[in-house]
Amino acid sequence: MKAMILAAGKGERMRPLTLHTPKPLLPVAGKPLIQWHIEALAQAGINQLVINHAWLGEQLQQRFADGQALGVQIQWSAEGEALETGGGIRQALPLLGEQPFILVNGDIWTRYDFSGLALPPGTLAHLVLIDNPEHNSAGDFILRDGLISNPQGGEQGLTYSGIAVLHPALLAEQPLAAFKLAPLLRDAAKQGLVSGEYFSGDWIDVGTPQRLADADRLAAG
């Protein structure tokens, strides 16, 4: 199975830290944020990676090149302009192939074990959900009996962690343009085509300088 790490965001909430450094290269406990993902995937036996980039992306390529130094093979999907989450994945589909692939948001830090991830038969996506952080108190999805649904009538959901397995068919018919992934996931959930699991371990959305400091402390502990 291949994996894609999303690394094209501009990291505007992290400024001034991201004015001259792409967010995935910001250090967490002494190494770049994105390197934690690369190493965790490699440890799980997933060594064929696709990474997209836009803002200051040449720095990412210079740092990791083809991935050989970390025991992986990296293919880069450069975006002339940011294509949003869905558009970035859609552009990278030729590199990802026709089989399900792991998707990881490059701006999270976690100790999640990728080795058990799989896409159940008959589904288009499998999402890893977590307890709701303060900045997303209402949650995103309902997890019930291994299936994902959309909250109804004020239901309390869980938060999408930014870790998933996707089937290329989820995005294959979309145009090569900027679009978000979430609406596609919600539509597929309505059709009963999204499964899920709950993760209770270490996880931080590194979206602000404070959360970067939190990740640094947690990773070093």
C-alpha atoms as a PDB file:
ATOM      1  CA  MET A   1       0.000   0.000   0.000  1.00  0.00           C
ATOM      2  CA  LYS A   2       1.190   3.511  -0.815  1.00  0.00           C
ATOM      3  CA  ALA A   3       0.681   6.576   1.349  1.00  0.00           C
ATOM      4  CA  MET A   4       0.180  10.253   0.589  1.00  0.00           C
ATOM      5  CA  ILE A   5       1.227  12.990   2.982  1.00  0.00           C
ATOM      6  CA  LEU A   6      -0.521  16.317   2.471  1.00  0.00           C
ATOM      7  CA  ALA A   7       2.076  19.078   2.766  1.00  0.00           C
ATOM      8  CA  ALA A   8       0.858  21.890   0.508  1.00  0.00           C
ATOM      9  CA  GLY A   9      -0.716  24.180   3.093  1.00  0.00           C
ATOM     10  CA  LYS A  10       0.605  27.670   3.635  1.00  0.00           C
ATOM     11  CA  GLY A  11       0.458  27.538   7.414  1.00  0.00           C
ATOM     12  CA  GLU A  12      -0.847  31.082   7.740  1.00  0.00           C
ATOM     13  CA  ARG A  13      -1.870  30.638  11.379  1.00  0.00           C
ATOM     14  CA  MET A  14       1.721  29.667  12.155  1.00  0.00           C
ATOM     15  CA  ARG A  15       3.226  32.939  10.985  1.00  0.00           C
ATOM     16  CA  PRO A  16       5.856  34.270  11.400  1.00  0.00           C
ATOM     17  CA  LEU A  17       7.289  30.742  11.734  1.00  0.00           C
ATOM     18  CA  THR A  18       6.129  29.811   8.221  1.00  0.00           C
ATOM     19  CA  LEU A  19       7.154  32.964   6.393  1.00  0.00           C
ATOM     20  CA  HIS A  20      10.397  31.339   5.286  1.00  0.00           C
ATOM     21  CA  THR A  21       9.876  27.693   6.281  1.00  0.00           C
ATOM     22  CA  PRO A  22       7.065  25.371   5.137  1.00  0.00           C
ATOM     23  CA  LYS A  23       5.056  24.100   8.100  1.00  0.00           C
ATOM     24  CA  PRO A  24       6.015  20.434   7.558  1.00  0.00           C
ATOM     25  CA  LEU A  25       9.650  21.392   8.204  1.00  0.00           C
ATOM     26  CA  LEU A  26       8.985  23.072  11.544  1.00  0.00           C
ATOM     27  CA  PRO A  27      10.829  21.094  14.236  1.00  0.00           C
ATOM     28  CA  VAL A  28       9.083  18.847  16.754  1.00  0.00           C
ATOM     29  CA  ALA A  29      11.463  17.398  19.355  1.00  0.00           C
ATOM     30  CA  GLY A  30      14.439  18.030  17.110  1.00  0.00           C
ATOM     31  CA  LYS A  31      13.206  16.826  13.738  1.00  0.00           C
ATOM     32  CA  PRO A  32      10.803  18.128  11.077  1.00  0.00           C
ATOM     33  CA  LEU A  33       7.116  17.521  11.704  1.00  0.00           C
ATOM     34  CA  ILE A  34       6.708  15.623   8.439  1.00  0.00           C
ATOM     35  CA  GLN A  35       9.639  13.352   9.253  1.00  0.00           C
ATOM     36  CA  TRP A  36       7.645  11.856  12.124  1.00  0.00           C
ATOM     37  CA  HIS A  37       5.104  10.655   9.549  1.00  0.00           C
ATOM     38  CA  ILE A  38       7.720   9.384   7.119  1.00  0.00           C
ATOM     39  CA  GLU A  39       9.425   7.347   9.832  1.00  0.00           C
ATOM     40  CA  ALA A  40       6.159   6.015  11.276  1.00  0.00           C
ATOM     41  CA  LEU A  41       5.001   4.891   7.840  1.00  0.00           C
ATOM     42  CA  ALA A  42       8.341   3.256   7.125  1.00  0.00           C
ATOM     43  CA  GLN A  43       8.208   1.440  10.462  1.00  0.00           C
ATOM     44  CA  ALA A  44       4.778   0.103   9.470  1.00  0.00           C
ATOM     45  CA  GLY A  45       6.229  -1.262   6.240  1.00  0.00           C
ATOM     46  CA  ILE A  46       4.814   1.488   4.038  1.00  0.00           C
ATOM     47  CA  ASN A  47       7.737   2.809   2.041  1.00  0.00           C
ATOM     48  CA  GLN A  48       6.210   4.156  -1.167  1.00  0.00           C
ATOM     49  CA  LEU A  49       5.151   7.725  -0.439  1.00  0.00           C
ATOM     50  CA  VAL A  50       3.659  10.589  -2.407  1.00  0.00           C
ATOM     51  CA  ILE A  51       3.986  14.087  -0.935  1.00  0.00           C
ATOM     52  CA  ASN A  52       2.351  17.169  -2.404  1.00  0.00           C
ATOM     53  CA  HIS A  53       3.650  20.668  -1.854  1.00  0.00           C
ATOM     54  CA  ALA A  54       3.072  24.263  -2.873  1.00  0.00           C
ATOM     55  CA  TRP A  55       4.243  26.967  -0.459  1.00  0.00           C
ATOM     56  CA  LEU A  56       8.089  26.809  -0.223  1.00  0.00           C
ATOM     57  CA  GLY A  57       7.839  23.230  -1.386  1.00  0.00           C
ATOM     58  CA  GLU A  58      11.304  23.208  -2.909  1.00  0.00           C
ATOM     59  CA  GLN A  59      12.657  23.198   0.647  1.00  0.00           C
ATOM     60  CA  LEU A  60      10.843  19.919   1.312  1.00  0.00           C
ATOM     61  CA  GLN A  61      12.292  18.320  -1.794  1.00  0.00           C
ATOM     62  CA  GLN A  62      15.778  19.545  -0.956  1.00  0.00           C
ATOM     63  CA  ARG A  63      15.517  18.141   2.562  1.00  0.00           C
ATOM     64  CA  PHE A  64      14.156  14.681   1.766  1.00  0.00           C
ATOM     65  CA  ALA A  65      14.925  14.193  -1.955  1.00  0.00           C
ATOM     66  CA  ASP A  66      13.876  10.682  -3.002  1.00  0.00           C
ATOM     67  CA  GLY A  67      13.531   9.510   0.603  1.00  0.00           C
ATOM     68  CA  GLN A  68      16.373   7.007   0.430  1.00  0.00           C
ATOM     69  CA  ALA A  69      18.037   8.377   3.574  1.00  0.00           C
ATOM     70  CA  LEU A  70      14.924   7.452   5.566  1.00  0.00           C
ATOM     71  CA  GLY A  71      14.354   4.093   3.899  1.00  0.00           C
ATOM     72  CA  VAL A  72      11.417   5.155   1.719  1.00  0.00           C
ATOM     73  CA  GLN A  73      10.719   6.107  -1.892  1.00  0.00           C
ATOM     74  CA  ILE A  74       9.214   9.572  -2.256  1.00  0.00           C
ATOM     75  CA  GLN A  75       7.455  10.906  -5.330  1.00  0.00           C
ATOM     76  CA  TRP A  76       6.638  14.595  -5.260  1.00  0.00           C
ATOM     77  CA  SER A  77       3.436  16.210  -6.527  1.00  0.00           C
ATOM     78  CA  ALA A  78       4.168  19.905  -6.962  1.00  0.00           C
ATOM     79  CA  GLU A  79       1.242  22.308  -7.133  1.00  0.00           C
ATOM     80  CA  GLY A  80       1.636  25.629  -8.905  1.00  0.00           C
ATOM     81  CA  GLU A  81      -1.130  26.906  -6.686  1.00  0.00           C
ATOM     82  CA  ALA A  82      -2.681  25.217  -3.682  1.00  0.00           C
ATOM     83  CA  LEU A  83      -5.431  22.826  -4.804  1.00  0.00           C
ATOM     84  CA  GLU A  84      -7.093  22.279  -1.407  1.00  0.00           C
ATOM     85  CA  THR A  85      -7.110  18.813   0.102  1.00  0.00           C
ATOM     86  CA  GLY A  86      -9.256  17.119  -2.525  1.00  0.00           C
ATOM     87  CA  GLY A  87      -7.632  18.778  -5.513  1.00  0.00           C
ATOM     88  CA  GLY A  88      -4.170  17.911  -4.262  1.00  0.00           C
ATOM     89  CA  ILE A  89      -5.086  14.242  -3.942  1.00  0.00           C
ATOM     90  CA  ARG A  90      -6.812  14.251  -7.331  1.00  0.00           C
ATOM     91  CA  GLN A  91      -3.699  15.621  -9.024  1.00  0.00           C
ATOM     92  CA  ALA A  92      -1.572  12.938  -7.356  1.00  0.00           C
ATOM     93  CA  LEU A  93      -3.765   9.957  -8.345  1.00  0.00           C
ATOM     94  CA  PRO A  94      -1.518   8.967 -11.284  1.00  0.00           C
ATOM     95  CA  LEU A  95       1.324   8.571  -8.773  1.00  0.00           C
ATOM     96  CA  LEU A  96      -0.826   6.682  -6.265  1.00  0.00           C
ATOM     97  CA  GLY A  97      -2.126   4.043  -8.664  1.00  0.00           C
ATOM     98  CA  GLU A  98      -5.394   2.115  -8.642  1.00  0.00           C
ATOM     99  CA  GLN A  99      -5.257   0.551  -5.177  1.00  0.00           C
ATOM    100  CA  PRO A 100      -6.382   2.057  -1.843  1.00  0.00           C
ATOM    101  CA  PHE A 101      -3.801   4.310  -0.217  1.00  0.00           C
ATOM    102  CA  ILE A 102      -3.185   5.823   3.201  1.00  0.00           C
ATOM    103  CA  LEU A 103      -3.725   9.567   3.556  1.00  0.00           C
ATOM    104  CA  VAL A 104      -2.038  11.610   6.283  1.00  0.00           C
ATOM    105  CA  ASN A 105      -2.370  15.320   6.955  1.00  0.00           C
ATOM    106  CA  GLY A 106       1.140  16.674   7.192  1.00  0.00           C
ATOM    107  CA  ASP A 107       0.226  19.177   9.889  1.00  0.00           C
ATOM    108  CA  ILE A 108      -0.666  16.732  12.653  1.00  0.00           C
ATOM    109  CA  TRP A 109       1.622  15.021  15.145  1.00  0.00           C
ATOM    110  CA  THR A 110       0.650  11.599  16.438  1.00  0.00           C
ATOM    111  CA  ARG A 111       1.894   8.255  17.680  1.00  0.00           C
ATOM    112  CA  TYR A 112      -0.713   6.364  15.638  1.00  0.00           C
ATOM    113  CA  ASP A 113       0.448   2.938  14.398  1.00  0.00           C
ATOM    114  CA  PHE A 114      -0.177   2.786  10.640  1.00  0.00           C
ATOM    115  CA  SER A 115       0.499  -0.939  10.340  1.00  0.00           C
ATOM    116  CA  GLY A 116      -3.117  -1.978  10.914  1.00  0.00           C
ATOM    117  CA  LEU A 117      -4.768   0.398   8.463  1.00  0.00           C
ATOM    118  CA  ALA A 118      -6.857  -1.155   5.709  1.00  0.00           C
ATOM    119  CA  LEU A 119      -9.903  -0.375   3.602  1.00  0.00           C
ATOM    120  CA  PRO A 120     -12.783  -2.787   4.267  1.00  0.00           C
ATOM    121  CA  PRO A 121     -14.366  -4.367   1.172  1.00  0.00           C
ATOM    122  CA  GLY A 122     -17.214  -2.376  -0.347  1.00  0.00           C
ATOM    123  CA  THR A 123     -16.124   0.979   1.072  1.00  0.00           C
ATOM    124  CA  LEU A 124     -14.501   4.056  -0.453  1.00  0.00           C
ATOM    125  CA  ALA A 125     -12.888   5.437   2.690  1.00  0.00           C
ATOM    126  CA  HIS A 126     -11.828   4.444   6.180  1.00  0.00           C
ATOM    127  CA  LEU A 127     -11.356   7.281   8.692  1.00  0.00           C
ATOM    128  CA  VAL A 128      -9.497   7.414  11.977  1.00  0.00           C
ATOM    129  CA  LEU A 129     -11.496   9.456  14.500  1.00  0.00           C
ATOM    130  CA  ILE A 130     -10.389  10.964  17.805  1.00  0.00           C
ATOM    131  CA  ASP A 131     -11.893  12.751  20.790  1.00  0.00           C
ATOM    132  CA  ASN A 132     -12.801  16.337  19.996  1.00  0.00           C
ATOM    133  CA  PRO A 133     -10.075  18.911  20.663  1.00  0.00           C
ATOM    134  CA  GLU A 134     -11.031  22.325  22.014  1.00  0.00           C
ATOM    135  CA  HIS A 135     -10.945  23.902  18.556  1.00  0.00           C
ATOM    136  CA  ASN A 136     -13.445  21.355  17.152  1.00  0.00           C
ATOM    137  CA  SER A 137     -15.786  20.679  20.055  1.00  0.00           C
ATOM    138  CA  ALA A 138     -18.764  19.557  17.946  1.00  0.00           C
ATOM    139  CA  GLY A 139     -16.816  16.901  16.062  1.00  0.00           C
ATOM    140  CA  ASP A 140     -17.122  15.865  12.419  1.00  0.00           C
ATOM    141  CA  PHE A 141     -18.619  12.387  12.096  1.00  0.00           C
ATOM    142  CA  ILE A 142     -20.562   9.748  14.009  1.00  0.00           C
ATOM    143  CA  LEU A 143     -18.895   6.342  14.444  1.00  0.00           C
ATOM    144  CA  ARG A 144     -21.290   3.492  15.073  1.00  0.00           C
ATOM    145  CA  ASP A 145     -20.594  -0.222  14.635  1.00  0.00           C
ATOM    146  CA  GLY A 146     -17.571   0.511  12.488  1.00  0.00           C
ATOM    147  CA  LEU A 147     -19.429   2.747  10.042  1.00  0.00           C
ATOM    148  CA  ILE A 148     -19.201   6.515   9.630  1.00  0.00           C
ATOM    149  CA  SER A 149     -22.290   8.716   9.334  1.00  0.00           C
ATOM    150  CA  ASN A 150     -22.951  12.444   9.388  1.00  0.00           C
ATOM    151  CA  PRO A 151     -24.250  14.047  12.607  1.00  0.00           C
ATOM    152  CA  GLN A 152     -27.985  14.688  12.625  1.00  0.00           C
ATOM    153  CA  GLY A 153     -30.023  17.009  14.842  1.00  0.00           C
ATOM    154  CA  GLY A 154     -27.213  18.216  17.058  1.00  0.00           C
ATOM    155  CA  GLU A 155     -25.595  14.802  17.561  1.00  0.00           C
ATOM    156  CA  GLN A 156     -22.156  14.923  19.182  1.00  0.00           C
ATOM    157  CA  GLY A 157     -19.615  13.515  16.791  1.00  0.00           C
ATOM    158  CA  LEU A 158     -15.950  12.640  16.886  1.00  0.00           C
ATOM    159  CA  THR A 159     -13.172  14.520  15.090  1.00  0.00           C
ATOM    160  CA  TYR A 160     -11.513  13.316  11.896  1.00  0.00           C
ATOM    161  CA  SER A 161      -7.849  12.890  12.768  1.00  0.00           C
ATOM    162  CA  GLY A 162      -6.430  13.579   9.309  1.00  0.00           C
ATOM    163  CA  ILE A 163      -5.556   9.886   8.904  1.00  0.00           C
ATOM    164  CA  ALA A 164      -7.507   7.751   6.452  1.00  0.00           C
ATOM    165  CA  VAL A 165      -7.439   5.089   3.792  1.00  0.00           C
ATOM    166  CA  LEU A 166      -9.026   6.141   0.509  1.00  0.00           C
ATOM    167  CA  HIS A 167      -9.960   4.299  -2.642  1.00  0.00           C
ATOM    168  CA  PRO A 168      -8.950   6.244  -5.772  1.00  0.00           C
ATOM    169  CA  ALA A 169     -12.521   5.885  -7.066  1.00  0.00           C
ATOM    170  CA  LEU A 170     -13.620   8.400  -4.422  1.00  0.00           C
ATOM    171  CA  LEU A 171     -11.856  11.161  -6.366  1.00  0.00           C
ATOM    172  CA  ALA A 172     -11.244   9.781  -9.861  1.00  0.00           C
ATOM    173  CA  GLU A 173     -14.246  11.504 -11.455  1.00  0.00           C
ATOM    174  CA  GLN A 174     -13.482  14.910  -9.966  1.00  0.00           C
ATOM    175  CA  PRO A 175     -11.977  17.680 -12.123  1.00  0.00           C
ATOM    176  CA  LEU A 176      -8.339  18.682 -11.912  1.00  0.00           C
ATOM    177  CA  ALA A 177      -9.082  21.782  -9.862  1.00  0.00           C
ATOM    178  CA  ALA A 178      -9.097  23.027  -6.290  1.00  0.00           C
ATOM    179  CA  PHE A 179     -11.740  21.367  -4.102  1.00  0.00           C
ATOM    180  CA  LYS A 180     -12.137  20.092  -0.555  1.00  0.00           C
ATOM    181  CA  LEU A 181     -12.166  16.449   0.477  1.00  0.00           C
ATOM    182  CA  ALA A 182     -14.769  16.734   3.261  1.00  0.00           C
ATOM    183  CA  PRO A 183     -17.869  17.032   0.996  1.00  0.00           C
ATOM    184  CA  LEU A 184     -16.868  13.850  -0.841  1.00  0.00           C
ATOM    185  CA  LEU A 185     -16.474  12.004   2.452  1.00  0.00           C
ATOM    186  CA  ARG A 186     -19.867  13.239   3.649  1.00  0.00           C
ATOM    187  CA  ASP A 187     -21.560  12.172   0.421  1.00  0.00           C
ATOM    188  CA  ALA A 188     -19.946   8.729   0.612  1.00  0.00           C
ATOM    189  CA  ALA A 189     -20.967   8.436   4.282  1.00  0.00           C
ATOM    190  CA  LYS A 190     -24.585   9.074   3.312  1.00  0.00           C
ATOM    191  CA  GLN A 191     -24.342   6.044   1.039  1.00  0.00           C
ATOM    192  CA  GLY A 192     -22.850   3.840   3.748  1.00  0.00           C
ATOM    193  CA  LEU A 193     -19.483   3.687   1.975  1.00  0.00           C
ATOM    194  CA  VAL A 194     -17.245   4.988   4.777  1.00  0.00           C
ATOM    195  CA  SER A 195     -15.936   2.905   7.667  1.00  0.00           C
ATOM    196  CA  GLY A 196     -14.019   4.131  10.675  1.00  0.00           C
ATOM    197  CA  GLU A 197     -12.114   3.457  13.862  1.00  0.00           C
ATOM    198  CA  TYR A 198     -11.430   5.301  17.105  1.00  0.00           C
ATOM    199  CA  PHE A 199      -7.930   6.275  18.246  1.00  0.00           C
ATOM    200  CA  SER A 200      -7.330   7.408  21.818  1.00  0.00           C
ATOM    201  CA  GLY A 201      -3.568   7.909  21.714  1.00  0.00           C
ATOM    202  CA  ASP A 202      -1.342  10.957  21.318  1.00  0.00           C
ATOM    203  CA  TRP A 203      -2.519  13.373  18.623  1.00  0.00           C
ATOM    204  CA  ILE A 204      -2.174  17.129  18.056  1.00  0.00           C
ATOM    205  CA  ASP A 205      -3.327  19.327  15.202  1.00  0.00           C
ATOM    206  CA  VAL A 206      -0.248  21.525  14.817  1.00  0.00           C
ATOM    207  CA  GLY A 207      -2.197  24.559  13.635  1.00  0.00           C
ATOM    208  CA  THR A 208      -0.800  27.298  15.866  1.00  0.00           C
ATOM    209  CA  PRO A 209       2.548  28.108  17.503  1.00  0.00           C
ATOM    210  CA  GLN A 210       1.092  27.042  20.855  1.00  0.00           C
ATOM    211  CA  ARG A 211       0.089  23.643  19.510  1.00  0.00           C
ATOM    212  CA  LEU A 212       3.543  23.285  17.956  1.00  0.00           C
ATOM    213  CA  ALA A 213       4.991  23.820  21.427  1.00  0.00           C
ATOM    214  CA  ASP A 214       2.520  21.277  22.819  1.00  0.00           C
ATOM    215  CA  ALA A 215       3.596  18.713  20.213  1.00  0.00           C
ATOM    216  CA  ASP A 216       7.235  19.413  20.991  1.00  0.00           C
ATOM    217  CA  ARG A 217       6.691  18.692  24.693  1.00  0.00           C
ATOM    218  CA  LEU A 218       4.604  15.577  24.039  1.00  0.00           C
ATOM    219  CA  ALA A 219       7.078  14.155  21.512  1.00  0.00           C
ATOM    220  CA  ALA A 220      10.029  14.782  23.805  1.00  0.00           C
ATOM    221  CA  GLY A 221       8.317  13.192  26.794  1.00  0.00           C
END
